[in-house]
Amino acid sequence: MTITRRQSGEACSVADPKREILHVDCAGHTYPDGSVGIHDMCFHVLKDEIVAICGPNGSGKSTLIEHLNGLLIPSEGKIVVQGEPLFEAARAGLWRIVGVVFQQSDDQLFAPTVLDDVMFGPLNLGLGRKEAESRAREALAAVGGTHLEHRLPNYLSGGEKRLASIAGILAMRPRVIALDEPTSDLDPVHSAIIERLIVGLREEHGIGVVIATHDLDLVARVADRICLVRNGSVFAEGPPAEIFYDPGLIQEAGLELPPGIRIYLECCQELGIEPARRPVRSGEIVAALGEITRGHPGIQPGV
């Protein structure tokens, strides 16, 4: 896969009919005050994929997320779910397929205990209380939150609230989970837990994962595909190894390269060589730095 640049009004073709779960086709949304949230938005989600929506604040990331499970309906264009166009009358059932974890967990947690909260979705799917409770406990175990069962949501830490929110969505067994700024305002320990969970959703549960974020460091570690958003639409997309090695594209998106990749490129520039590889994750970057510095005049090997 290489970088795809998109022009305004360009048709959104289906990427992979066998794997595509969600398809946003030239969608637009204008808020009641006249402000444009998204326009000419082309976006898709595949089975078993982590796709990152990246852009600065106000670029349209959250508005797009709210369209993925029917919280908002586009004022133009369309959304296709598992091959079927989504209409106003059908959007109530979309949350069975696509679950959204909001940036502010307090917007999602409301029940007396965490277990009650996680059970809420399965109960609304029509499951009996016993089965709903079983699903809720299974989901809490999957996120490492079994110890939170009887806690009051109001007294959880930010990281614990995020885990409970994800468990509530996971308990409904959707095919796609979309997370809006999943690690924002979290300490490093809970950020690492959420990061491992994101990867686990794909690898262990076969769920398509969408993350909306401007944290490109996180994206470098987990994403299979990056969609760059600017002024309400995706203007470029591609794999991390392509996107991150086009610094002009990152600058155009109003973002900054992940520190590790920036250091690697600066080392290559300092040594006067062209990058032979395109490392993205930390282990790859360390190995690539070792290759370009090993035996280079003026650089002494470590003792």
Protein backbone atom coordinates (compact mmCIF):
# COMPACT_ATOMS: atom_id res chain seq x y z
CA MET A 1 0.00 0.00 0.00
CA THR A 2 1.26 3.45 -0.91
CA ILE A 3 0.03 6.93 0.00
CA THR A 4 -3.31 7.87 -1.50
CA ARG A 5 -3.98 11.58 -1.92
CA ARG A 6 -7.62 12.63 -2.08
CA GLN A 7 -9.11 15.61 -3.86
CA SER A 8 -12.30 17.34 -2.76
CA GLY A 9 -15.36 15.70 -4.35
CA GLU A 10 -13.44 12.62 -5.47
CA ALA A 11 -15.49 9.41 -5.41
CA CYS A 12 -14.75 6.95 -2.58
CA SER A 13 -14.16 3.51 -4.04
CA VAL A 14 -14.55 0.33 -1.98
CA ALA A 15 -11.12 -0.79 -0.77
CA ASP A 16 -11.75 -4.50 -0.14
CA PRO A 17 -15.32 -5.83 -0.51
CA LYS A 18 -14.52 -9.00 1.46
CA ARG A 19 -13.08 -7.20 4.49
CA GLU A 20 -14.78 -3.81 4.52
CA ILE A 21 -17.16 -3.28 7.44
CA LEU A 22 -17.74 0.47 7.25
CA HIS A 23 -17.58 2.80 4.27
CA VAL A 24 -18.04 6.57 4.50
CA ASP A 25 -18.76 7.89 1.00
CA CYS A 26 -18.23 11.64 0.46
CA ALA A 27 -20.09 12.45 3.68
CA GLY A 28 -20.69 15.96 4.94
CA HIS A 29 -22.21 17.32 8.13
CA THR A 30 -23.20 20.88 8.95
CA TYR A 31 -24.09 21.74 12.54
CA PRO A 32 -27.20 23.84 13.39
CA ASP A 33 -25.07 26.97 13.82
CA GLY A 34 -23.84 26.61 10.23
CA SER A 35 -20.34 25.36 11.05
CA VAL A 36 -19.08 22.49 8.91
CA GLY A 37 -17.95 19.44 10.88
CA ILE A 38 -16.90 17.26 7.94
CA HIS A 39 -17.20 17.54 4.16
CA ASP A 40 -16.34 15.26 1.23
CA MET A 41 -15.27 12.73 3.86
CA CYS A 42 -14.04 9.40 2.49
CA PHE A 43 -13.16 6.76 5.05
CA HIS A 44 -13.38 3.00 5.54
CA VAL A 45 -12.70 0.35 8.16
CA LEU A 46 -11.60 -3.19 7.39
CA LYS A 47 -11.92 -6.33 9.49
CA ASP A 48 -8.87 -7.03 11.72
CA GLU A 49 -7.38 -3.58 11.13
CA ILE A 50 -6.26 -0.72 13.35
CA VAL A 51 -6.79 2.52 11.46
CA ALA A 52 -5.76 5.87 12.92
CA ILE A 53 -7.55 9.14 12.13
CA CYS A 54 -4.91 11.80 12.70
CA GLY A 55 -5.20 15.56 12.67
CA PRO A 56 -5.01 18.59 14.94
CA ASN A 57 -7.83 19.77 17.19
CA GLY A 58 -10.82 20.93 15.18
CA SER A 59 -9.92 18.94 12.06
CA GLY A 60 -13.08 16.80 12.15
CA LYS A 61 -11.85 13.63 13.89
CA SER A 62 -14.54 13.54 16.59
CA THR A 63 -17.31 14.47 14.14
CA LEU A 64 -16.32 11.54 11.93
CA ILE A 65 -16.28 9.18 14.95
CA GLU A 66 -19.84 10.25 15.84
CA HIS A 67 -20.98 9.29 12.34
CA LEU A 68 -19.57 5.77 12.58
CA ASN A 69 -22.27 4.47 14.94
CA GLY A 70 -25.16 6.72 13.97
CA LEU A 71 -24.87 9.40 16.65
CA LEU A 72 -24.80 11.80 13.71
CA ILE A 73 -26.22 11.25 10.24
CA PRO A 74 -24.49 12.96 7.29
CA SER A 75 -26.34 15.84 5.70
CA GLU A 76 -24.84 14.76 2.37
CA GLY A 77 -23.12 11.64 1.10
CA LYS A 78 -23.75 8.26 2.68
CA ILE A 79 -22.47 5.65 5.11
CA VAL A 80 -22.47 1.97 4.15
CA VAL A 81 -22.39 -0.70 6.87
CA GLN A 82 -21.53 -4.27 5.84
CA GLY A 83 -22.55 -3.44 2.28
CA GLU A 84 -25.89 -1.82 3.17
CA PRO A 85 -26.51 1.96 3.06
CA LEU A 86 -27.37 3.44 6.45
CA PHE A 87 -30.63 5.37 6.63
CA GLU A 88 -32.14 7.38 9.49
CA ALA A 89 -34.58 4.62 10.38
CA ALA A 90 -31.85 1.98 10.66
CA ARG A 91 -29.28 3.91 12.67
CA ALA A 92 -30.65 2.79 16.06
CA GLY A 93 -29.24 -0.70 15.50
CA LEU A 94 -25.83 0.44 14.30
CA TRP A 95 -24.37 0.42 17.82
CA ARG A 96 -24.65 -3.39 17.67
CA ILE A 97 -21.97 -3.33 14.95
CA VAL A 98 -19.93 -0.23 15.85
CA GLY A 99 -19.13 0.77 19.42
CA VAL A 100 -17.72 4.20 20.31
CA VAL A 101 -15.58 5.00 23.35
CA PHE A 102 -15.74 8.74 23.98
CA GLN A 103 -12.80 10.90 25.00
CA GLN A 104 -14.57 11.86 28.21
CA SER A 105 -15.42 8.63 30.03
CA ASP A 106 -17.89 10.44 32.29
CA ASP A 107 -20.12 10.84 29.22
CA GLN A 108 -20.40 7.05 29.08
CA LEU A 109 -20.55 5.85 32.69
CA PHE A 110 -23.78 6.36 34.64
CA ALA A 111 -24.83 3.15 36.46
CA PRO A 112 -24.45 2.54 40.23
CA THR A 113 -21.54 0.10 39.80
CA VAL A 114 -19.08 -0.76 37.04
CA LEU A 115 -20.67 -4.19 36.57
CA ASP A 116 -24.12 -2.60 36.16
CA ASP A 117 -22.67 -0.20 33.63
CA VAL A 118 -21.00 -2.90 31.54
CA MET A 119 -24.20 -4.98 31.66
CA PHE A 120 -26.31 -2.14 30.29
CA GLY A 121 -25.46 -2.77 26.62
CA PRO A 122 -26.05 -6.54 26.64
CA LEU A 123 -29.37 -6.04 28.48
CA ASN A 124 -30.44 -3.62 25.75
CA LEU A 125 -29.52 -6.26 23.18
CA GLY A 126 -32.32 -8.31 24.73
CA LEU A 127 -30.16 -10.73 26.70
CA GLY A 128 -31.36 -12.12 30.02
CA ARG A 129 -29.76 -10.80 33.18
CA LYS A 130 -27.65 -13.92 33.73
CA GLU A 131 -26.19 -13.89 30.24
CA ALA A 132 -25.67 -10.11 30.35
CA GLU A 133 -23.80 -10.47 33.64
CA SER A 134 -21.65 -13.23 32.15
CA ARG A 135 -20.79 -11.07 29.14
CA ALA A 136 -20.01 -8.11 31.38
CA ARG A 137 -17.64 -10.13 33.55
CA GLU A 138 -15.99 -11.57 30.44
CA ALA A 139 -15.49 -8.07 29.02
CA LEU A 140 -14.07 -6.74 32.29
CA ALA A 141 -11.65 -9.66 32.43
CA ALA A 142 -10.58 -8.94 28.83
CA VAL A 143 -9.58 -5.36 29.75
CA GLY A 144 -7.98 -6.36 33.06
CA GLY A 145 -10.80 -4.74 35.04
CA THR A 146 -12.25 -7.63 37.04
CA HIS A 147 -11.30 -5.86 40.27
CA LEU A 148 -13.52 -2.91 39.30
CA GLU A 149 -16.82 -4.86 39.26
CA HIS A 150 -18.32 -3.43 42.43
CA ARG A 151 -16.66 -0.02 42.32
CA LEU A 152 -18.67 3.19 41.84
CA PRO A 153 -17.78 4.80 38.49
CA ASN A 154 -17.59 8.28 40.06
CA TYR A 155 -14.68 7.18 42.24
CA LEU A 156 -12.56 5.54 39.56
CA SER A 157 -9.34 7.07 38.26
CA GLY A 158 -9.21 8.34 34.68
CA GLY A 159 -7.50 5.17 33.48
CA GLU A 160 -9.96 2.93 35.31
CA LYS A 161 -12.89 4.82 33.80
CA ARG A 162 -11.42 4.31 30.32
CA LEU A 163 -11.11 0.56 30.96
CA ALA A 164 -14.72 0.38 32.19
CA SER A 165 -15.91 2.31 29.11
CA ILE A 166 -14.10 -0.04 26.74
CA ALA A 167 -15.48 -3.07 28.61
CA GLY A 168 -19.02 -1.70 28.20
CA ILE A 169 -18.56 -1.57 24.44
CA LEU A 170 -16.73 -4.90 24.23
CA ALA A 171 -19.56 -6.64 26.10
CA MET A 172 -21.85 -5.96 23.12
CA ARG A 173 -19.38 -7.78 20.83
CA PRO A 174 -19.34 -5.23 18.01
CA ARG A 175 -17.33 -5.72 14.83
CA VAL A 176 -15.71 -2.27 15.10
CA ILE A 177 -14.66 -0.24 18.13
CA ALA A 178 -13.83 3.44 17.65
CA LEU A 179 -11.90 5.27 20.38
CA ASP A 180 -11.69 9.06 20.51
CA GLU A 181 -8.29 10.16 21.92
CA PRO A 182 -7.93 6.87 23.85
CA THR A 183 -4.85 7.82 25.89
CA SER A 184 -5.47 11.52 26.46
CA ASP A 185 -5.05 12.68 30.08
CA LEU A 186 -3.84 9.24 31.21
CA ASP A 187 -0.68 8.48 33.17
CA PRO A 188 2.01 6.38 31.42
CA VAL A 189 0.96 3.14 33.14
CA HIS A 190 -2.69 3.36 32.09
CA SER A 191 -1.70 4.64 28.63
CA ALA A 192 0.38 1.48 28.16
CA ILE A 193 -2.55 -0.68 29.33
CA ILE A 194 -4.91 0.98 26.81
CA GLU A 195 -2.31 0.60 24.07
CA ARG A 196 -1.95 -3.13 24.70
CA LEU A 197 -5.73 -3.42 24.80
CA ILE A 198 -6.10 -1.74 21.40
CA VAL A 199 -3.73 -4.27 19.84
CA GLY A 200 -5.49 -7.11 21.67
CA LEU A 201 -8.90 -6.08 20.30
CA ARG A 202 -7.57 -6.77 16.81
CA GLU A 203 -5.36 -9.77 17.49
CA GLU A 204 -7.40 -11.64 20.10
CA HIS A 205 -10.96 -10.60 19.28
CA GLY A 206 -10.76 -9.96 15.52
CA ILE A 207 -12.27 -6.49 15.93
CA GLY A 208 -11.62 -3.58 13.58
CA VAL A 209 -10.29 -0.67 15.64
CA VAL A 210 -10.44 3.05 14.87
CA ILE A 211 -8.45 5.52 16.95
CA ALA A 212 -8.85 9.26 16.54
CA THR A 213 -5.76 11.03 17.88
CA HIS A 214 -3.01 13.56 17.28
CA ASP A 215 -0.56 11.38 19.25
CA LEU A 216 1.57 10.07 16.39
CA ASP A 217 3.86 8.27 18.83
CA LEU A 218 0.95 5.98 19.75
CA VAL A 219 -0.02 5.65 16.09
CA ALA A 220 3.51 4.55 15.15
CA ARG A 221 3.31 1.71 17.65
CA VAL A 222 -0.14 0.30 16.84
CA ALA A 223 -1.64 1.46 13.52
CA ASP A 224 -1.85 -0.51 10.28
CA ARG A 225 -3.12 2.48 8.30
CA ILE A 226 -3.15 6.24 8.88
CA CYS A 227 -5.77 8.69 7.59
CA LEU A 228 -4.67 12.32 7.76
CA VAL A 229 -7.55 14.73 8.35
CA ARG A 230 -7.53 18.46 7.65
CA ASN A 231 -10.41 20.93 7.55
CA GLY A 232 -13.04 18.22 7.84
CA SER A 233 -11.86 15.62 5.34
CA VAL A 234 -9.25 12.91 4.83
CA PHE A 235 -6.70 14.32 2.38
CA ALA A 236 -4.15 11.48 2.48
CA GLU A 237 -3.89 7.92 3.78
CA GLY A 238 -1.40 5.08 3.78
CA PRO A 239 0.70 2.76 5.95
CA PRO A 240 2.87 4.29 8.71
CA ALA A 241 6.12 3.50 6.88
CA GLU A 242 4.94 5.65 3.97
CA ILE A 243 3.16 8.45 5.84
CA PHE A 244 5.92 9.03 8.41
CA TYR A 245 8.64 9.22 5.77
CA ASP A 246 6.93 12.08 3.99
CA PRO A 247 7.72 14.95 6.43
CA GLY A 248 6.03 17.47 4.13
CA LEU A 249 2.79 15.52 4.38
CA ILE A 250 2.97 15.47 8.18
CA GLN A 251 3.59 19.22 8.20
CA GLU A 252 0.66 19.73 5.82
CA ALA A 253 -1.52 17.87 8.33
CA GLY A 254 -0.45 20.25 11.12
CA LEU A 255 1.28 17.47 13.05
CA GLU A 256 4.82 16.52 14.08
CA LEU A 257 6.77 13.35 13.42
CA PRO A 258 7.11 10.84 16.28
CA PRO A 259 10.35 11.60 18.18
CA GLY A 260 12.03 8.28 17.32
CA ILE A 261 11.49 8.68 13.58
CA ARG A 262 12.58 12.32 13.71
CA ILE A 263 15.83 11.35 15.49
CA TYR A 264 16.49 8.61 12.92
CA LEU A 265 16.03 11.04 10.03
CA GLU A 266 18.20 13.66 11.72
CA CYS A 267 20.97 11.08 12.24
CA CYS A 268 20.80 10.10 8.56
CA GLN A 269 21.02 13.77 7.60
CA GLU A 270 23.96 14.37 9.97
CA LEU A 271 25.82 11.40 8.50
CA GLY A 272 25.03 12.51 4.97
CA ILE A 273 23.22 9.32 3.95
CA GLU A 274 19.82 8.50 2.55
CA PRO A 275 17.63 6.36 4.84
CA ALA A 276 17.97 2.80 3.53
CA ARG A 277 15.07 1.62 5.66
CA ARG A 278 11.83 3.07 7.01
CA PRO A 279 11.63 1.93 10.63
CA VAL A 280 8.48 2.87 12.55
CA ARG A 281 8.42 1.05 15.90
CA SER A 282 11.08 1.60 18.55
CA GLY A 283 12.84 -1.75 18.07
CA GLU A 284 13.06 -1.15 14.33
CA ILE A 285 14.45 2.35 14.88
CA VAL A 286 17.12 1.10 17.31
CA ALA A 287 18.20 -1.59 14.81
CA ALA A 288 18.29 0.92 11.93
CA LEU A 289 20.34 3.40 13.97
CA GLY A 290 22.79 0.60 14.77
CA GLU A 291 23.17 -0.18 11.07
CA ILE A 292 23.89 3.39 9.95
CA THR A 293 26.33 4.16 12.77
CA ARG A 294 28.21 0.84 12.82
CA GLY A 295 31.62 1.35 11.28
CA HIS A 296 30.93 4.97 10.32
CA PRO A 297 34.07 7.13 10.59
CA GLY A 298 34.16 9.19 13.77
CA ILE A 299 31.63 7.06 15.65
CA GLN A 300 33.12 4.84 18.31
CA PRO A 301 31.25 1.64 19.12
CA GLY A 302 29.96 1.26 22.67
CA VAL A 303 32.02 -0.63 25.16
